[in-house]
Every structure is written in C-alpha cells, then in structure tokens.
Amino acid sequence: SYFSLDNPENFWLGMGLSEQGSMGDSQITLCTKSVEKTSVVQVSGYSHGVLPTSIGPSLTSQVSLSKDDEFISCSFLLHKSFFDGENKHIFIGAGPVQDNYVLYHHSTPVVSTESVNLFGENESKSKYAGITDFRILLHASSMITGYGIFLVVGIYTSRYLKPIFDSAWYRIHTSIIYGMVAIVAVGLAAILLKVRTINTGVHELIGFLIIGLTVFQLILGACRPYKKHKARNGSMFVHLFIGCFLLILVVINIFLGLSKIRSQIPNHIFVIQGIYVIWIVFGSIVGNEVLKHLYGNHHIVYIKKLKFYTMINIGVILMYGCTIIILLNVVD
C-alpha cells in the first residue's frame, strides 16, 4: 500500500500492531522525517499531538529512508521484544510532522483483515529487552515505590500501629505520606517530560484520579477537626474510606501500567504483583484484624504479637519493592 504526502520534507510513515484492529492501545512504530532530523520512534497507545521519543538502538536497527522521483520508503528492523507474541492486526498509515510533533494522519490507515503472528508458532514467546527509556523506568519505579510501598506503610501505620507508637503515630504517618508525595512527584514529572501532552488512556485517566485523590487526602488530613469536635469521626471515616479506595485504584493502575510495557519486562513481575496484593489483603489487613480480635483485650500480649507481625509485614513490603525495582531494570 502507499499514501500520497502533502509535504515530502516533513512527514511520518507508520506501522502498528493492534489486537482489535484500531489504533487505540496499540503498538505503533513511526519513521519520521523533518528538516531537523530523521528517526524511528515508538508511540504506545496512540494520542493526537503526542511527542514521541526514540525507542533506542536496542530495539531498532538498519534504519533507512529512501526517496526517488515517485516514492519515499522507510525500512527498519525491530527487536522481537517490541512485540508480545500475540496475534495482531497490522495497519499502516502516514501523516505530517510539524515542529517535531507527530500530527493526525491525513488519510485512513490500511488495516489487515486478519490478525497474524509475525514470529510463527515457535517464536511467539518473545524475550524482553528491558525498559530502554529512562523516563518510563523512573516513572514506573517511583510510582511503585511511592504508592506500592509508602502508601501501604502509611495506611498500615495509621490503622494498626497506634498501640505501638501512641501519640507519635500521626507524625510517623504524615512523614511517610509526605515522603510518598515527593517520590510520586518525581515519577509524575518523569512521564510528563516524556509525553509532553495529556493522554486519555485508561491508565492515564486513573492515574490523574489517583493524583487528585492524593491531593484531596493531604488537605483532608491537614484540616482534620480537633478530637472533641462533632465532625471528627465523620472526617476520619471519609479519610480512611478514600485512603482504601485510593489503594484499590493504585493496585488496578499498577497492573495497567505494567501491561503497557509488558513486552519490555519479565512476565513474572505480574505474578509477584499478584502475590503482593493477596498478601496485603489477607496477610496485612485480615491478619491484623484477627490479631486484634484475639488479643485486643490483653494489651501487653497484643503489643508483643503486633510488633512481631509488623516486622513480618514490613519485611514482605520491602522485599516486594526491591524485587520489582530490580526486575524493572533487568534486560534479558
């Protein structure tokens, strides 16, 4: 197939893979040509006006752009880790480039009628090459550290560790949450510097909802009524409810985020993430509630068992964080 180009000096030619045969949530590789530079870029989840960046030498090779009197063609080789090994529809398209921004295609992309596996049956299990874009790596690491570790420890502290820390629990809780905010801010800045625009994918929308709820939680926590105020209990319930809802959204969005880069990370990251979620529900929450029910009336015994159980929980949380961060940096 071929497309006519309005401006042969500033354009992109693209090839994409899609499970549904549409551009949304698809893997797209573009060959861009402008007065400034020629490059091969990756757009993960198509968005109008997106500013892509180079996908790195580890994923592309033998890039060439040829031009004659009638045709302009772009060819390149992609490392197989760019693909997840599943059957996909192939589509190709073309469009203009303006000020290094990839603009909306000027003609309807051509889409294959059937889905195909580019590697054949024996090669469908592709290896991974690791996350080549440092900003994506920083974003993933920061968000998992901030929300997957600091938020969990912060909620755990406020919910179960008051008998251990007494009145100091609030300072410890807020210190952990402020640390979380600082780490999350780094992750948010990293991904915004990469995309330079607002994406409307599910992961991105849930992410902005999480950020908004985080800000609201900070305000609600800082403005909590004093102990004897009639609104105190209601305020604390709302704060706890939003915190738990926030944790559920975080779990969902971590899985969605990892899914967007699943071709670049080892599959057992998802298994580890699932085991961690199960532990948080049954090991941390259910386990602590059972402990409180059994020994809550025996303060000294309860404190001893709570300290021991807390050490186990913190150990699991830290082990999860270290394992995930290491695996995100692994290259097969």
C-alpha atoms as a PDB file:
ATOM      1  CA  SER A   1       0.000   0.000   0.000  1.00  0.00           C
ATOM      2  CA  TYR A   2       1.072   3.590  -0.446  1.00  0.00           C
ATOM      3  CA  PHE A   3      -0.047   7.098   0.595  1.00  0.00           C
ATOM      4  CA  SER A   4       0.322  10.478  -1.014  1.00  0.00           C
ATOM      5  CA  LEU A   5       2.280  13.030   1.029  1.00  0.00           C
ATOM      6  CA  ASP A   6       1.346  16.696   1.083  1.00  0.00           C
ATOM      7  CA  ASN A   7       4.806  17.700   2.308  1.00  0.00           C
ATOM      8  CA  PRO A   8       7.632  15.296   1.381  1.00  0.00           C
ATOM      9  CA  GLU A   9      10.018  17.153   3.729  1.00  0.00           C
ATOM     10  CA  ASN A  10       8.024  16.779   6.954  1.00  0.00           C
ATOM     11  CA  PHE A  11       6.115  13.545   7.386  1.00  0.00           C
ATOM     12  CA  TRP A  12       5.794  10.238   9.190  1.00  0.00           C
ATOM     13  CA  LEU A  13       5.208   6.717   7.912  1.00  0.00           C
ATOM     14  CA  GLY A  14       3.828   4.302  10.478  1.00  0.00           C
ATOM     15  CA  MET A  15       3.284   0.608  11.106  1.00  0.00           C
ATOM     16  CA  GLY A  16       1.154  -0.601  14.001  1.00  0.00           C
ATOM     17  CA  LEU A  17       0.034  -3.783  15.721  1.00  0.00           C
ATOM     18  CA  SER A  18      -3.395  -3.962  17.303  1.00  0.00           C
ATOM     19  CA  GLU A  19      -5.465  -6.702  18.932  1.00  0.00           C
ATOM     20  CA  GLN A  20      -8.737  -5.013  17.939  1.00  0.00           C
ATOM     21  CA  GLY A  21      -7.697  -3.595  14.566  1.00  0.00           C
ATOM     22  CA  SER A  22      -7.823   0.010  15.811  1.00  0.00           C
ATOM     23  CA  MET A  23      -5.138   2.495  16.816  1.00  0.00           C
ATOM     24  CA  GLY A  24      -6.178   2.818  20.458  1.00  0.00           C
ATOM     25  CA  ASP A  25      -3.934   0.954  22.934  1.00  0.00           C
ATOM     26  CA  SER A  26      -1.768  -0.352  20.121  1.00  0.00           C
ATOM     27  CA  GLN A  27       1.949  -0.648  19.482  1.00  0.00           C
ATOM     28  CA  ILE A  28       2.946   1.805  16.783  1.00  0.00           C
ATOM     29  CA  THR A  29       6.315   2.407  15.172  1.00  0.00           C
ATOM     30  CA  LEU A  30       6.818   5.552  13.105  1.00  0.00           C
ATOM     31  CA  CYS A  31       9.559   6.626  10.753  1.00  0.00           C
ATOM     32  CA  THR A  32       9.615  10.418  10.900  1.00  0.00           C
ATOM     33  CA  LYS A  33      11.258  12.844   8.515  1.00  0.00           C
ATOM     34  CA  SER A  34      11.596  16.535   9.163  1.00  0.00           C
ATOM     35  CA  VAL A  35      14.000  19.298   8.254  1.00  0.00           C
ATOM     36  CA  GLU A  36      15.710  18.838  11.634  1.00  0.00           C
ATOM     37  CA  LYS A  37      16.097  15.063  11.847  1.00  0.00           C
ATOM     38  CA  THR A  38      15.074  11.594  10.728  1.00  0.00           C
ATOM     39  CA  SER A  39      14.311   8.979  13.369  1.00  0.00           C
ATOM     40  CA  VAL A  40      12.305   5.908  14.299  1.00  0.00           C
ATOM     41  CA  VAL A  41      10.011   6.418  17.258  1.00  0.00           C
ATOM     42  CA  GLN A  42       7.510   4.421  19.290  1.00  0.00           C
ATOM     43  CA  VAL A  43       4.026   5.555  20.284  1.00  0.00           C
ATOM     44  CA  SER A  44       2.414   3.264  22.867  1.00  0.00           C
ATOM     45  CA  GLY A  45      -1.336   3.924  22.876  1.00  0.00           C
ATOM     46  CA  TYR A  46      -1.973   6.424  20.089  1.00  0.00           C
ATOM     47  CA  SER A  47      -2.787  10.016  21.044  1.00  0.00           C
ATOM     48  CA  HIS A  48      -3.231  13.079  18.840  1.00  0.00           C
ATOM     49  CA  GLY A  49      -0.349  15.512  19.105  1.00  0.00           C
ATOM     50  CA  VAL A  50       1.861  13.092  21.012  1.00  0.00           C
ATOM     51  CA  LEU A  51       5.579  13.907  21.014  1.00  0.00           C
ATOM     52  CA  PRO A  52       7.336  10.531  20.832  1.00  0.00           C
ATOM     53  CA  THR A  53      10.980   9.856  21.568  1.00  0.00           C
ATOM     54  CA  SER A  54      13.498   7.449  20.122  1.00  0.00           C
ATOM     55  CA  ILE A  55      12.896   3.854  21.204  1.00  0.00           C
ATOM     56  CA  GLY A  56      16.630   3.263  21.380  1.00  0.00           C
ATOM     57  CA  PRO A  57      19.269   1.297  19.487  1.00  0.00           C
ATOM     58  CA  SER A  58      18.488  -1.919  21.384  1.00  0.00           C
ATOM     59  CA  LEU A  59      15.073  -2.138  19.703  1.00  0.00           C
ATOM     60  CA  THR A  60      15.803  -0.815  16.222  1.00  0.00           C
ATOM     61  CA  SER A  61      18.484  -1.438  13.646  1.00  0.00           C
ATOM     62  CA  GLN A  62      19.231  -0.973   9.951  1.00  0.00           C
ATOM     63  CA  VAL A  63      17.083   2.157   9.701  1.00  0.00           C
ATOM     64  CA  SER A  64      16.969   3.594   6.213  1.00  0.00           C
ATOM     65  CA  LEU A  65      14.920   6.222   4.419  1.00  0.00           C
ATOM     66  CA  SER A  66      14.965   6.146   0.627  1.00  0.00           C
ATOM     67  CA  LYS A  67      13.489   8.574  -1.853  1.00  0.00           C
ATOM     68  CA  ASP A  68      13.160   8.723  -5.611  1.00  0.00           C
ATOM     69  CA  ASP A  69      11.034  10.683  -8.054  1.00  0.00           C
ATOM     70  CA  GLU A  70       7.842   8.832  -7.130  1.00  0.00           C
ATOM     71  CA  PHE A  71       8.250   7.042  -3.808  1.00  0.00           C
ATOM     72  CA  ILE A  72       9.555   7.629  -0.316  1.00  0.00           C
ATOM     73  CA  SER A  73      10.010   4.499   1.767  1.00  0.00           C
ATOM     74  CA  CYS A  74      11.220   3.751   5.274  1.00  0.00           C
ATOM     75  CA  SER A  75      12.579   0.410   6.454  1.00  0.00           C
ATOM     76  CA  PHE A  76      13.901  -0.788   9.799  1.00  0.00           C
ATOM     77  CA  LEU A  77      14.295  -3.896  11.905  1.00  0.00           C
ATOM     78  CA  LEU A  78      12.643  -4.181  15.319  1.00  0.00           C
ATOM     79  CA  HIS A  79      13.875  -6.324  18.184  1.00  0.00           C
ATOM     80  CA  LYS A  80      11.267  -9.013  18.832  1.00  0.00           C
ATOM     81  CA  SER A  81      10.826  -7.786  22.408  1.00  0.00           C
ATOM     82  CA  PHE A  82       8.808  -4.937  20.875  1.00  0.00           C
ATOM     83  CA  PHE A  83       6.061  -7.481  20.248  1.00  0.00           C
ATOM     84  CA  ASP A  84       4.312  -9.538  22.909  1.00  0.00           C
ATOM     85  CA  GLY A  85       3.947 -12.628  20.700  1.00  0.00           C
ATOM     86  CA  GLU A  86       0.158 -12.453  20.407  1.00  0.00           C
ATOM     87  CA  ASN A  87      -1.745 -12.405  17.114  1.00  0.00           C
ATOM     88  CA  LYS A  88      -2.255  -8.832  15.958  1.00  0.00           C
ATOM     89  CA  HIS A  89      -3.802  -6.872  13.118  1.00  0.00           C
ATOM     90  CA  ILE A  90      -1.236  -4.905  11.113  1.00  0.00           C
ATOM     91  CA  PHE A  91      -2.039  -1.379   9.992  1.00  0.00           C
ATOM     92  CA  ILE A  92      -0.017   1.275   8.203  1.00  0.00           C
ATOM     93  CA  GLY A  93      -0.576   4.985   7.800  1.00  0.00           C
ATOM     94  CA  ALA A  94       1.068   8.322   7.059  1.00  0.00           C
ATOM     95  CA  GLY A  95       0.748  11.916   8.148  1.00  0.00           C
ATOM     96  CA  PRO A  96       2.508  15.256   8.642  1.00  0.00           C
ATOM     97  CA  VAL A  97       5.174  16.307  11.150  1.00  0.00           C
ATOM     98  CA  GLN A  98       5.220  19.883  12.414  1.00  0.00           C
ATOM     99  CA  ASP A  99       7.865  21.236  14.819  1.00  0.00           C
ATOM    100  CA  ASN A 100       8.843  17.626  15.584  1.00  0.00           C
ATOM    101  CA  TYR A 101       5.270  16.806  16.640  1.00  0.00           C
ATOM    102  CA  VAL A 102       3.535  13.851  15.040  1.00  0.00           C
ATOM    103  CA  LEU A 103       0.159  15.115  13.812  1.00  0.00           C
ATOM    104  CA  TYR A 104      -3.054  13.259  12.939  1.00  0.00           C
ATOM    105  CA  HIS A 105      -2.863  11.013   9.870  1.00  0.00           C
ATOM    106  CA  HIS A 106      -4.245  12.683   6.755  1.00  0.00           C
ATOM    107  CA  SER A 107      -5.773   9.503   5.311  1.00  0.00           C
ATOM    108  CA  THR A 108      -7.435   6.419   6.759  1.00  0.00           C
ATOM    109  CA  PRO A 109      -4.850   3.777   7.756  1.00  0.00           C
ATOM    110  CA  VAL A 110      -4.900   0.446   5.927  1.00  0.00           C
ATOM    111  CA  VAL A 111      -5.702  -2.409   8.338  1.00  0.00           C
ATOM    112  CA  SER A 112      -5.218  -6.133   7.719  1.00  0.00           C
ATOM    113  CA  THR A 113      -8.477  -8.105   7.686  1.00  0.00           C
ATOM    114  CA  GLU A 114      -6.972 -10.932   9.755  1.00  0.00           C
ATOM    115  CA  SER A 115      -4.687 -10.986  12.778  1.00  0.00           C
ATOM    116  CA  VAL A 116      -1.270 -12.562  12.352  1.00  0.00           C
ATOM    117  CA  ASN A 117       1.670 -13.721  14.450  1.00  0.00           C
ATOM    118  CA  LEU A 118       4.806 -12.218  12.993  1.00  0.00           C
ATOM    119  CA  PHE A 119       7.096 -14.816  14.539  1.00  0.00           C
ATOM    120  CA  GLY A 120       5.182 -18.007  13.820  1.00  0.00           C
ATOM    121  CA  GLU A 121       4.150 -20.616  16.366  1.00  0.00           C
ATOM    122  CA  ASN A 122       7.669 -21.449  17.584  1.00  0.00           C
ATOM    123  CA  GLU A 123       8.741 -17.853  18.116  1.00  0.00           C
ATOM    124  CA  SER A 124       5.642 -16.459  19.770  1.00  0.00           C
ATOM    125  CA  LYS A 125       7.290 -16.332  23.193  1.00  0.00           C
ATOM    126  CA  SER A 126       9.386 -13.238  22.714  1.00  0.00           C
ATOM    127  CA  LYS A 127      12.153 -12.230  25.077  1.00  0.00           C
ATOM    128  CA  TYR A 128      12.274  -8.819  26.671  1.00  0.00           C
ATOM    129  CA  ALA A 129      14.932  -6.149  26.179  1.00  0.00           C
ATOM    130  CA  GLY A 130      14.214  -4.122  29.315  1.00  0.00           C
ATOM    131  CA  ILE A 131      12.841  -0.600  29.576  1.00  0.00           C
ATOM    132  CA  THR A 132      15.017   1.466  27.266  1.00  0.00           C
ATOM    133  CA  ASP A 133      13.548   4.889  28.063  1.00  0.00           C
ATOM    134  CA  PHE A 134      14.889   6.135  31.413  1.00  0.00           C
ATOM    135  CA  ARG A 135      11.853   8.364  31.944  1.00  0.00           C
ATOM    136  CA  ILE A 136       9.470   5.392  31.747  1.00  0.00           C
ATOM    137  CA  LEU A 137      11.763   3.434  34.091  1.00  0.00           C
ATOM    138  CA  LEU A 138      11.870   6.340  36.548  1.00  0.00           C
ATOM    139  CA  HIS A 139       8.099   6.786  36.348  1.00  0.00           C
ATOM    140  CA  ALA A 140       7.372   3.094  36.965  1.00  0.00           C
ATOM    141  CA  SER A 141       9.925   2.795  39.774  1.00  0.00           C
ATOM    142  CA  SER A 142       8.760   5.977  41.505  1.00  0.00           C
ATOM    143  CA  MET A 143       5.053   5.167  41.324  1.00  0.00           C
ATOM    144  CA  ILE A 144       5.537   1.614  42.580  1.00  0.00           C
ATOM    145  CA  THR A 145       7.798   2.845  45.392  1.00  0.00           C
ATOM    146  CA  GLY A 146       5.515   5.740  46.336  1.00  0.00           C
ATOM    147  CA  TYR A 147       2.103   4.125  46.070  1.00  0.00           C
ATOM    148  CA  GLY A 148       3.026   0.448  46.289  1.00  0.00           C
ATOM    149  CA  ILE A 149       5.255   0.816  49.368  1.00  0.00           C
ATOM    150  CA  PHE A 150       4.952   4.198  51.101  1.00  0.00           C
ATOM    151  CA  LEU A 151       1.153   4.437  50.795  1.00  0.00           C
ATOM    152  CA  VAL A 152       0.717   0.878  52.088  1.00  0.00           C
ATOM    153  CA  VAL A 153       3.037   1.514  55.055  1.00  0.00           C
ATOM    154  CA  GLY A 154       1.316   4.854  55.738  1.00  0.00           C
ATOM    155  CA  ILE A 155      -2.141   3.286  55.857  1.00  0.00           C
ATOM    156  CA  TYR A 156      -0.798   0.352  57.885  1.00  0.00           C
ATOM    157  CA  THR A 157       0.693   2.773  60.426  1.00  0.00           C
ATOM    158  CA  SER A 158      -2.495   4.765  60.924  1.00  0.00           C
ATOM    159  CA  ARG A 159      -4.723   1.705  61.057  1.00  0.00           C
ATOM    160  CA  TYR A 160      -2.763  -0.765  63.191  1.00  0.00           C
ATOM    161  CA  LEU A 161       0.307   0.785  64.826  1.00  0.00           C
ATOM    162  CA  LYS A 162      -1.300   3.342  67.140  1.00  0.00           C
ATOM    163  CA  PRO A 163      -0.904   0.981  70.172  1.00  0.00           C
ATOM    164  CA  ILE A 164       2.853   0.820  69.495  1.00  0.00           C
ATOM    165  CA  PHE A 165       3.608   4.466  68.723  1.00  0.00           C
ATOM    166  CA  ASP A 166       0.882   6.022  70.923  1.00  0.00           C
ATOM    167  CA  SER A 167       0.545   9.757  70.155  1.00  0.00           C
ATOM    168  CA  ALA A 168       3.596   9.722  67.854  1.00  0.00           C
ATOM    169  CA  TRP A 169       1.742   7.665  65.224  1.00  0.00           C
ATOM    170  CA  TYR A 170       0.399  10.775  63.499  1.00  0.00           C
ATOM    171  CA  ARG A 171       3.846  12.317  62.962  1.00  0.00           C
ATOM    172  CA  ILE A 172       5.145   8.992  61.642  1.00  0.00           C
ATOM    173  CA  HIS A 173       2.109   8.584  59.391  1.00  0.00           C
ATOM    174  CA  THR A 174       2.379  12.075  57.904  1.00  0.00           C
ATOM    175  CA  SER A 175       6.160  11.738  57.414  1.00  0.00           C
ATOM    176  CA  ILE A 176       5.625   8.551  55.413  1.00  0.00           C
ATOM    177  CA  ILE A 177       2.877  10.154  53.320  1.00  0.00           C
ATOM    178  CA  TYR A 178       4.956  13.277  52.617  1.00  0.00           C
ATOM    179  CA  GLY A 179       7.788  11.003  51.534  1.00  0.00           C
ATOM    180  CA  MET A 180       5.336   9.262  49.233  1.00  0.00           C
ATOM    181  CA  VAL A 181       4.276  12.591  47.725  1.00  0.00           C
ATOM    182  CA  ALA A 182       7.898  13.557  46.993  1.00  0.00           C
ATOM    183  CA  ILE A 183       8.599  10.224  45.260  1.00  0.00           C
ATOM    184  CA  VAL A 184       5.336  10.323  43.295  1.00  0.00           C
ATOM    185  CA  ALA A 185       6.113  13.892  42.172  1.00  0.00           C
ATOM    186  CA  VAL A 186       9.366  12.639  40.629  1.00  0.00           C
ATOM    187  CA  GLY A 187       7.524   9.854  38.802  1.00  0.00           C
ATOM    188  CA  LEU A 188       4.823  12.218  37.552  1.00  0.00           C
ATOM    189  CA  ALA A 189       7.400  14.739  36.323  1.00  0.00           C
ATOM    190  CA  ALA A 190       9.309  11.984  34.505  1.00  0.00           C
ATOM    191  CA  ILE A 191       6.333  10.803  32.461  1.00  0.00           C
ATOM    192  CA  LEU A 192       5.103  14.344  31.732  1.00  0.00           C
ATOM    193  CA  LEU A 193       8.554  15.237  30.404  1.00  0.00           C
ATOM    194  CA  LYS A 194       8.320  12.232  28.096  1.00  0.00           C
ATOM    195  CA  VAL A 195       4.847  12.685  26.592  1.00  0.00           C
ATOM    196  CA  ARG A 196       4.527  16.497  26.807  1.00  0.00           C
ATOM    197  CA  THR A 197       0.776  16.132  26.376  1.00  0.00           C
ATOM    198  CA  ILE A 198      -2.277  14.718  28.157  1.00  0.00           C
ATOM    199  CA  ASN A 199      -3.075  11.141  27.118  1.00  0.00           C
ATOM    200  CA  THR A 200      -6.623   9.862  27.607  1.00  0.00           C
ATOM    201  CA  GLY A 201      -5.932   6.157  28.024  1.00  0.00           C
ATOM    202  CA  VAL A 202      -7.408   4.211  30.942  1.00  0.00           C
ATOM    203  CA  HIS A 203      -4.081   4.057  32.790  1.00  0.00           C
ATOM    204  CA  GLU A 204      -3.556   7.784  32.393  1.00  0.00           C
ATOM    205  CA  LEU A 205      -7.091   8.745  33.481  1.00  0.00           C
ATOM    206  CA  ILE A 206      -6.941   6.545  36.581  1.00  0.00           C
ATOM    207  CA  GLY A 207      -3.503   7.983  37.273  1.00  0.00           C
ATOM    208  CA  PHE A 208      -4.814  11.551  37.288  1.00  0.00           C
ATOM    209  CA  LEU A 209      -7.717  10.451  39.506  1.00  0.00           C
ATOM    210  CA  ILE A 210      -5.195   8.950  41.935  1.00  0.00           C
ATOM    211  CA  ILE A 211      -3.162  12.176  41.948  1.00  0.00           C
ATOM    212  CA  GLY A 212      -6.325  14.209  42.567  1.00  0.00           C
ATOM    213  CA  LEU A 213      -7.428  11.981  45.444  1.00  0.00           C
ATOM    214  CA  THR A 214      -3.918  12.163  46.898  1.00  0.00           C
ATOM    215  CA  VAL A 215      -4.061  15.951  46.976  1.00  0.00           C
ATOM    216  CA  PHE A 216      -7.549  15.827  48.499  1.00  0.00           C
ATOM    217  CA  GLN A 217      -6.330  13.382  51.160  1.00  0.00           C
ATOM    218  CA  LEU A 218      -3.473  15.704  52.085  1.00  0.00           C
ATOM    219  CA  ILE A 219      -5.876  18.607  52.525  1.00  0.00           C
ATOM    220  CA  LEU A 220      -8.356  16.468  54.477  1.00  0.00           C
ATOM    221  CA  GLY A 221      -5.627  15.159  56.762  1.00  0.00           C
ATOM    222  CA  ALA A 222      -4.133  18.597  57.393  1.00  0.00           C
ATOM    223  CA  CYS A 223      -7.552  20.133  58.124  1.00  0.00           C
ATOM    224  CA  ARG A 224      -8.905  17.362  60.382  1.00  0.00           C
ATOM    225  CA  PRO A 225     -11.082  18.652  63.250  1.00  0.00           C
ATOM    226  CA  TYR A 226      -9.757  18.542  66.815  1.00  0.00           C
ATOM    227  CA  LYS A 227     -10.577  15.493  68.920  1.00  0.00           C
ATOM    228  CA  LYS A 228     -13.769  16.684  70.616  1.00  0.00           C
ATOM    229  CA  HIS A 229     -15.260  18.313  67.530  1.00  0.00           C
ATOM    230  CA  LYS A 230     -18.509  16.716  66.382  1.00  0.00           C
ATOM    231  CA  ALA A 231     -17.195  16.377  62.813  1.00  0.00           C
ATOM    232  CA  ARG A 232     -14.088  14.485  63.938  1.00  0.00           C
ATOM    233  CA  ASN A 233     -15.439  10.937  63.478  1.00  0.00           C
ATOM    234  CA  GLY A 234     -17.010  11.749  60.123  1.00  0.00           C
ATOM    235  CA  SER A 235     -13.815  13.330  58.861  1.00  0.00           C
ATOM    236  CA  MET A 236     -11.726  10.345  59.952  1.00  0.00           C
ATOM    237  CA  PHE A 237     -14.133   7.903  58.276  1.00  0.00           C
ATOM    238  CA  VAL A 238     -14.022   9.814  54.981  1.00  0.00           C
ATOM    239  CA  HIS A 239     -10.216   9.975  55.183  1.00  0.00           C
ATOM    240  CA  LEU A 240      -9.999   6.213  55.789  1.00  0.00           C
ATOM    241  CA  PHE A 241     -12.535   5.388  53.071  1.00  0.00           C
ATOM    242  CA  ILE A 242     -10.758   7.488  50.434  1.00  0.00           C
ATOM    243  CA  GLY A 243      -7.426   6.005  51.500  1.00  0.00           C
ATOM    244  CA  CYS A 244      -8.718   2.459  50.967  1.00  0.00           C
ATOM    245  CA  PHE A 245     -10.346   3.437  47.655  1.00  0.00           C
ATOM    246  CA  LEU A 246      -7.061   5.046  46.634  1.00  0.00           C
ATOM    247  CA  LEU A 247      -5.224   1.821  47.397  1.00  0.00           C
ATOM    248  CA  ILE A 248      -7.632  -0.164  45.204  1.00  0.00           C
ATOM    249  CA  LEU A 249      -7.114   2.277  42.319  1.00  0.00           C
ATOM    250  CA  VAL A 250      -3.354   2.033  42.790  1.00  0.00           C
ATOM    251  CA  VAL A 251      -3.446  -1.777  42.530  1.00  0.00           C
ATOM    252  CA  ILE A 252      -5.501  -1.584  39.323  1.00  0.00           C
ATOM    253  CA  ASN A 253      -3.312   1.087  37.787  1.00  0.00           C
ATOM    254  CA  ILE A 254      -0.030  -0.647  38.573  1.00  0.00           C
ATOM    255  CA  PHE A 255      -1.281  -3.678  36.664  1.00  0.00           C
ATOM    256  CA  LEU A 256      -2.432  -1.432  33.790  1.00  0.00           C
ATOM    257  CA  GLY A 257       0.897   0.387  33.734  1.00  0.00           C
ATOM    258  CA  LEU A 258       2.903  -2.823  33.712  1.00  0.00           C
ATOM    259  CA  SER A 259       0.676  -4.129  30.912  1.00  0.00           C
ATOM    260  CA  LYS A 260       1.654  -1.157  28.737  1.00  0.00           C
ATOM    261  CA  ILE A 261       5.316  -2.215  28.915  1.00  0.00           C
ATOM    262  CA  ARG A 262       4.758  -5.986  29.151  1.00  0.00           C
ATOM    263  CA  SER A 263       6.951  -6.636  26.102  1.00  0.00           C
ATOM    264  CA  GLN A 264       9.897  -4.997  27.900  1.00  0.00           C
ATOM    265  CA  ILE A 265       9.629  -6.669  31.321  1.00  0.00           C
ATOM    266  CA  PRO A 266       9.702 -10.286  32.579  1.00  0.00           C
ATOM    267  CA  ASN A 267       6.273 -11.900  32.880  1.00  0.00           C
ATOM    268  CA  HIS A 268       6.797 -12.980  36.487  1.00  0.00           C
ATOM    269  CA  ILE A 269       6.550  -9.332  37.565  1.00  0.00           C
ATOM    270  CA  PHE A 270       2.778  -9.782  37.218  1.00  0.00           C
ATOM    271  CA  VAL A 271       2.900 -12.913  39.393  1.00  0.00           C
ATOM    272  CA  ILE A 272       4.883 -11.084  42.085  1.00  0.00           C
ATOM    273  CA  GLN A 273       2.468  -8.147  41.913  1.00  0.00           C
ATOM    274  CA  GLY A 274      -0.494 -10.511  42.309  1.00  0.00           C
ATOM    275  CA  ILE A 275       1.076 -12.303  45.286  1.00  0.00           C
ATOM    276  CA  TYR A 276       1.782  -8.931  46.907  1.00  0.00           C
ATOM    277  CA  VAL A 277      -1.849  -7.837  46.519  1.00  0.00           C
ATOM    278  CA  ILE A 278      -3.037 -11.114  48.058  1.00  0.00           C
ATOM    279  CA  TRP A 279      -0.645 -10.624  50.975  1.00  0.00           C
ATOM    280  CA  ILE A 280      -1.837  -7.040  51.584  1.00  0.00           C
ATOM    281  CA  VAL A 281      -5.457  -8.220  51.721  1.00  0.00           C
ATOM    282  CA  PHE A 282      -5.057 -11.406  53.727  1.00  0.00           C
ATOM    283  CA  GLY A 283      -1.655 -11.070  55.375  1.00  0.00           C
ATOM    284  CA  SER A 284      -1.803  -7.419  56.412  1.00  0.00           C
ATOM    285  CA  ILE A 285      -5.486  -6.489  56.683  1.00  0.00           C
ATOM    286  CA  VAL A 286      -7.202  -9.755  57.597  1.00  0.00           C
ATOM    287  CA  GLY A 287      -4.219 -10.917  59.666  1.00  0.00           C
ATOM    288  CA  ASN A 288      -4.130  -7.751  61.763  1.00  0.00           C
ATOM    289  CA  GLU A 289      -7.887  -7.759  62.280  1.00  0.00           C
ATOM    290  CA  VAL A 290      -7.723 -11.364  63.503  1.00  0.00           C
ATOM    291  CA  LEU A 291      -4.812 -10.454  65.795  1.00  0.00           C
ATOM    292  CA  LYS A 292      -6.785  -7.549  67.240  1.00  0.00           C
ATOM    293  CA  HIS A 293      -9.848  -9.750  67.739  1.00  0.00           C
ATOM    294  CA  LEU A 294      -7.886 -12.482  69.533  1.00  0.00           C
ATOM    295  CA  TYR A 295      -5.613 -10.382  71.732  1.00  0.00           C
ATOM    296  CA  GLY A 296      -7.092  -6.889  71.723  1.00  0.00           C
ATOM    297  CA  ASN A 297      -8.289  -7.212  75.334  1.00  0.00           C
ATOM    298  CA  HIS A 298      -4.812  -8.255  76.544  1.00  0.00           C
ATOM    299  CA  HIS A 299      -2.768  -5.135  75.891  1.00  0.00           C
ATOM    300  CA  ILE A 300       0.735  -6.397  76.738  1.00  0.00           C
ATOM    301  CA  VAL A 301       0.351  -9.674  74.815  1.00  0.00           C
ATOM    302  CA  TYR A 302      -1.240  -7.827  71.886  1.00  0.00           C
ATOM    303  CA  ILE A 303       1.632  -5.306  71.666  1.00  0.00           C
ATOM    304  CA  LYS A 304       4.250  -8.085  71.594  1.00  0.00           C
ATOM    305  CA  LYS A 305       2.462 -10.037  68.894  1.00  0.00           C
ATOM    306  CA  LEU A 306       1.694  -6.848  66.954  1.00  0.00           C
ATOM    307  CA  LYS A 307       5.384  -5.862  66.900  1.00  0.00           C
ATOM    308  CA  PHE A 308       6.387  -9.304  65.624  1.00  0.00           C
ATOM    309  CA  TYR A 309       3.640  -9.360  62.988  1.00  0.00           C
ATOM    310  CA  THR A 310       4.555  -5.829  61.889  1.00  0.00           C
ATOM    311  CA  MET A 311       8.157  -6.896  61.304  1.00  0.00           C
ATOM    312  CA  ILE A 312       6.884  -9.666  59.021  1.00  0.00           C
ATOM    313  CA  ASN A 313       4.650  -7.264  57.098  1.00  0.00           C
ATOM    314  CA  ILE A 314       7.332  -4.618  56.661  1.00  0.00           C
ATOM    315  CA  GLY A 315       9.745  -7.325  55.520  1.00  0.00           C
ATOM    316  CA  VAL A 316       7.288  -8.543  52.872  1.00  0.00           C
ATOM    317  CA  ILE A 317       6.612  -4.988  51.667  1.00  0.00           C
ATOM    318  CA  LEU A 318      10.322  -4.138  51.369  1.00  0.00           C
ATOM    319  CA  MET A 319      11.105  -7.450  49.675  1.00  0.00           C
ATOM    320  CA  TYR A 320       8.333  -6.775  47.153  1.00  0.00           C
ATOM    321  CA  GLY A 321       9.618  -3.269  46.427  1.00  0.00           C
ATOM    322  CA  CYS A 322      13.243  -4.334  45.971  1.00  0.00           C
ATOM    323  CA  THR A 323      12.273  -7.298  43.760  1.00  0.00           C
ATOM    324  CA  ILE A 324      10.022  -5.251  41.473  1.00  0.00           C
ATOM    325  CA  ILE A 325      12.539  -2.411  41.084  1.00  0.00           C
ATOM    326  CA  ILE A 326      15.317  -4.888  40.263  1.00  0.00           C
ATOM    327  CA  LEU A 327      13.162  -6.735  37.718  1.00  0.00           C
ATOM    328  CA  LEU A 328      12.206  -3.465  36.029  1.00  0.00           C
ATOM    329  CA  ASN A 329      15.908  -2.901  35.393  1.00  0.00           C
ATOM    330  CA  VAL A 330      16.617  -6.418  34.126  1.00  0.00           C
ATOM    331  CA  VAL A 331      17.494  -6.928  30.465  1.00  0.00           C
ATOM    332  CA  ASP A 332      17.103 -10.422  29.038  1.00  0.00           C
END
